[in-house]
């Protein structure tokens, strides 16, 4: 399956579409910048998992949900079943870097 954009590159607050991980079908999230500059700290997004009553919470097994993308670490695998989304906090006060996130299998997007 082809890759798809979950979050377009940017440095302002934004929440992605949801995606579903099932047993045996992990999702790989890949960070990229809009202008091919290297991903440097704080290229941060937060992985959130859907809980009861359609409430999303930071996925606690990932350092309180934080995924830090850097030049030497531009991907993250999600292999625990559930419904997820990616949240990018406002990074504009820290960096001019545009951070976007792709998912490697577009069939996982809800």
C-alpha atoms as a PDB file:
ATOM      1  CA  UNK A   1       0.000   0.000   0.000  1.00  0.00           C
ATOM      2  CA  UNK A   2       1.252   3.512  -0.714  1.00  0.00           C
ATOM      3  CA  UNK A   3       2.224   6.003   1.954  1.00  0.00           C
ATOM      4  CA  UNK A   4      -0.117   8.845   2.879  1.00  0.00           C
ATOM      5  CA  UNK A   5       0.249  12.147   4.691  1.00  0.00           C
ATOM      6  CA  UNK A   6      -1.209  12.270   8.198  1.00  0.00           C
ATOM      7  CA  UNK A   7       0.042  15.787   8.976  1.00  0.00           C
ATOM      8  CA  UNK A   8       1.128  18.237   6.317  1.00  0.00           C
ATOM      9  CA  UNK A   9       4.472  19.902   7.098  1.00  0.00           C
ATOM     10  CA  UNK A  10       4.200  22.890   9.367  1.00  0.00           C
ATOM     11  CA  UNK A  11       5.075  24.176  12.817  1.00  0.00           C
ATOM     12  CA  UNK A  12       1.631  25.195  14.079  1.00  0.00           C
ATOM     13  CA  UNK A  13      -0.783  23.156  16.144  1.00  0.00           C
ATOM     14  CA  UNK A  14      -2.629  20.488  14.167  1.00  0.00           C
ATOM     15  CA  UNK A  15      -4.273  17.091  14.733  1.00  0.00           C
ATOM     16  CA  UNK A  16      -4.208  14.335  12.117  1.00  0.00           C
ATOM     17  CA  UNK A  17      -6.888  12.011  10.855  1.00  0.00           C
ATOM     18  CA  UNK A  18      -7.239   8.812  12.849  1.00  0.00           C
ATOM     19  CA  UNK A  19      -5.652   5.508  11.897  1.00  0.00           C
ATOM     20  CA  UNK A  20      -6.260   1.989  13.160  1.00  0.00           C
ATOM     21  CA  UNK A  21      -3.666  -0.610  14.100  1.00  0.00           C
ATOM     22  CA  UNK A  22      -4.780  -4.240  14.303  1.00  0.00           C
ATOM     23  CA  UNK A  23      -2.897  -7.366  15.372  1.00  0.00           C
ATOM     24  CA  UNK A  24      -0.237  -8.197  12.820  1.00  0.00           C
ATOM     25  CA  UNK A  25      -0.538  -4.888  10.923  1.00  0.00           C
ATOM     26  CA  UNK A  26       1.715  -2.301  12.570  1.00  0.00           C
ATOM     27  CA  UNK A  27       1.854   1.285  11.387  1.00  0.00           C
ATOM     28  CA  UNK A  28       5.095   3.101  10.680  1.00  0.00           C
ATOM     29  CA  UNK A  29       5.055   6.867  11.104  1.00  0.00           C
ATOM     30  CA  UNK A  30       7.727   8.794   9.215  1.00  0.00           C
ATOM     31  CA  UNK A  31       8.629  12.434   9.811  1.00  0.00           C
ATOM     32  CA  UNK A  32       9.532  14.768   6.992  1.00  0.00           C
ATOM     33  CA  UNK A  33      10.021  18.472   6.472  1.00  0.00           C
ATOM     34  CA  UNK A  34       8.340  20.453   3.762  1.00  0.00           C
ATOM     35  CA  UNK A  35      11.611  21.702   2.281  1.00  0.00           C
ATOM     36  CA  UNK A  36      13.944  18.692   2.726  1.00  0.00           C
ATOM     37  CA  UNK A  37      15.838  20.320   5.576  1.00  0.00           C
ATOM     38  CA  UNK A  38      17.068  17.905   8.220  1.00  0.00           C
ATOM     39  CA  UNK A  39      14.692  17.075  11.058  1.00  0.00           C
ATOM     40  CA  UNK A  40      16.230  18.492  14.212  1.00  0.00           C
ATOM     41  CA  UNK A  41      15.021  18.811  17.780  1.00  0.00           C
ATOM     42  CA  UNK A  42      12.349  19.816  18.633  1.00  0.00           C
ATOM     43  CA  UNK A  43      10.672  18.069  15.700  1.00  0.00           C
ATOM     44  CA  UNK A  44       8.085  16.754  18.120  1.00  0.00           C
ATOM     45  CA  UNK A  45       4.651  15.248  17.649  1.00  0.00           C
ATOM     46  CA  UNK A  46       2.463  13.486  20.193  1.00  0.00           C
ATOM     47  CA  UNK A  47       0.918  10.080  19.582  1.00  0.00           C
ATOM     48  CA  UNK A  48      -2.594   9.843  21.031  1.00  0.00           C
ATOM     49  CA  UNK A  49      -4.737   6.719  21.460  1.00  0.00           C
ATOM     50  CA  UNK A  50      -8.512   6.605  21.582  1.00  0.00           C
ATOM     51  CA  UNK A  51      -9.962   5.604  24.934  1.00  0.00           C
ATOM     52  CA  UNK A  52     -13.544   5.114  26.066  1.00  0.00           C
ATOM     53  CA  UNK A  53     -16.172   7.706  25.118  1.00  0.00           C
ATOM     54  CA  UNK A  54     -14.151   8.749  22.038  1.00  0.00           C
ATOM     55  CA  UNK A  55     -11.594  10.587  24.171  1.00  0.00           C
ATOM     56  CA  UNK A  56      -7.991  10.670  22.938  1.00  0.00           C
ATOM     57  CA  UNK A  57      -5.174  10.596  25.464  1.00  0.00           C
ATOM     58  CA  UNK A  58      -1.416  10.757  25.035  1.00  0.00           C
ATOM     59  CA  UNK A  59      -0.215   7.197  24.487  1.00  0.00           C
ATOM     60  CA  UNK A  60       1.643   6.615  27.727  1.00  0.00           C
ATOM     61  CA  UNK A  61       4.037   3.891  26.567  1.00  0.00           C
ATOM     62  CA  UNK A  62       5.701   6.468  24.316  1.00  0.00           C
ATOM     63  CA  UNK A  63       7.262   8.827  26.879  1.00  0.00           C
ATOM     64  CA  UNK A  64       3.904  10.446  27.661  1.00  0.00           C
ATOM     65  CA  UNK A  65       3.041  10.358  23.985  1.00  0.00           C
ATOM     66  CA  UNK A  66       6.010  12.408  22.782  1.00  0.00           C
ATOM     67  CA  UNK A  67       7.781  11.248  19.654  1.00  0.00           C
ATOM     68  CA  UNK A  68      10.915  13.259  18.958  1.00  0.00           C
ATOM     69  CA  UNK A  69      11.995  13.067  15.335  1.00  0.00           C
ATOM     70  CA  UNK A  70      15.607  13.881  14.555  1.00  0.00           C
ATOM     71  CA  UNK A  71      17.917  13.363  11.604  1.00  0.00           C
ATOM     72  CA  UNK A  72      19.012   9.977  12.951  1.00  0.00           C
ATOM     73  CA  UNK A  73      15.536   8.904  14.095  1.00  0.00           C
ATOM     74  CA  UNK A  74      12.835   9.770  11.578  1.00  0.00           C
ATOM     75  CA  UNK A  75      10.394   6.888  12.017  1.00  0.00           C
ATOM     76  CA  UNK A  76       8.334   5.265  14.742  1.00  0.00           C
ATOM     77  CA  UNK A  77       6.481   1.920  14.695  1.00  0.00           C
ATOM     78  CA  UNK A  78       3.063   1.550  16.321  1.00  0.00           C
ATOM     79  CA  UNK A  79       2.265  -2.116  16.893  1.00  0.00           C
ATOM     80  CA  UNK A  80      -0.256  -2.138  19.763  1.00  0.00           C
ATOM     81  CA  UNK A  81      -3.820  -2.454  18.418  1.00  0.00           C
ATOM     82  CA  UNK A  82      -6.019   0.609  18.750  1.00  0.00           C
ATOM     83  CA  UNK A  83      -7.230   3.818  17.119  1.00  0.00           C
ATOM     84  CA  UNK A  84      -4.624   6.575  17.053  1.00  0.00           C
ATOM     85  CA  UNK A  85      -3.979  10.086  15.837  1.00  0.00           C
ATOM     86  CA  UNK A  86      -0.950  12.353  15.765  1.00  0.00           C
ATOM     87  CA  UNK A  87      -1.013  15.780  17.392  1.00  0.00           C
ATOM     88  CA  UNK A  88       1.576  18.440  16.566  1.00  0.00           C
ATOM     89  CA  UNK A  89       1.809  21.140  19.234  1.00  0.00           C
ATOM     90  CA  UNK A  90       2.669  24.705  18.298  1.00  0.00           C
ATOM     91  CA  UNK A  91       6.396  24.525  17.521  1.00  0.00           C
ATOM     92  CA  UNK A  92       6.633  28.028  16.035  1.00  0.00           C
ATOM     93  CA  UNK A  93       8.002  29.518  19.265  1.00  0.00           C
ATOM     94  CA  UNK A  94      10.910  27.039  19.211  1.00  0.00           C
ATOM     95  CA  UNK A  95      11.778  26.476  15.570  1.00  0.00           C
ATOM     96  CA  UNK A  96      11.107  27.436  11.971  1.00  0.00           C
ATOM     97  CA  UNK A  97      11.288  23.776  11.003  1.00  0.00           C
ATOM     98  CA  UNK A  98       8.246  22.337   9.263  1.00  0.00           C
ATOM     99  CA  UNK A  99       7.399  18.872  10.580  1.00  0.00           C
ATOM    100  CA  UNK A 100       5.010  16.592   8.741  1.00  0.00           C
ATOM    101  CA  UNK A 101       4.127  12.947   9.332  1.00  0.00           C
ATOM    102  CA  UNK A 102       3.389  10.201   6.834  1.00  0.00           C
ATOM    103  CA  UNK A 103       2.015   6.740   7.478  1.00  0.00           C
ATOM    104  CA  UNK A 104       3.557   4.008   5.343  1.00  0.00           C
ATOM    105  CA  UNK A 105       0.254   2.203   4.655  1.00  0.00           C
ATOM    106  CA  UNK A 106      -2.661   4.408   3.580  1.00  0.00           C
ATOM    107  CA  UNK A 107      -5.184   1.592   4.168  1.00  0.00           C
ATOM    108  CA  UNK A 108      -4.791   2.127   7.945  1.00  0.00           C
ATOM    109  CA  UNK A 109      -6.290   5.634   7.786  1.00  0.00           C
ATOM    110  CA  UNK A 110      -9.915   5.727   8.924  1.00  0.00           C
END
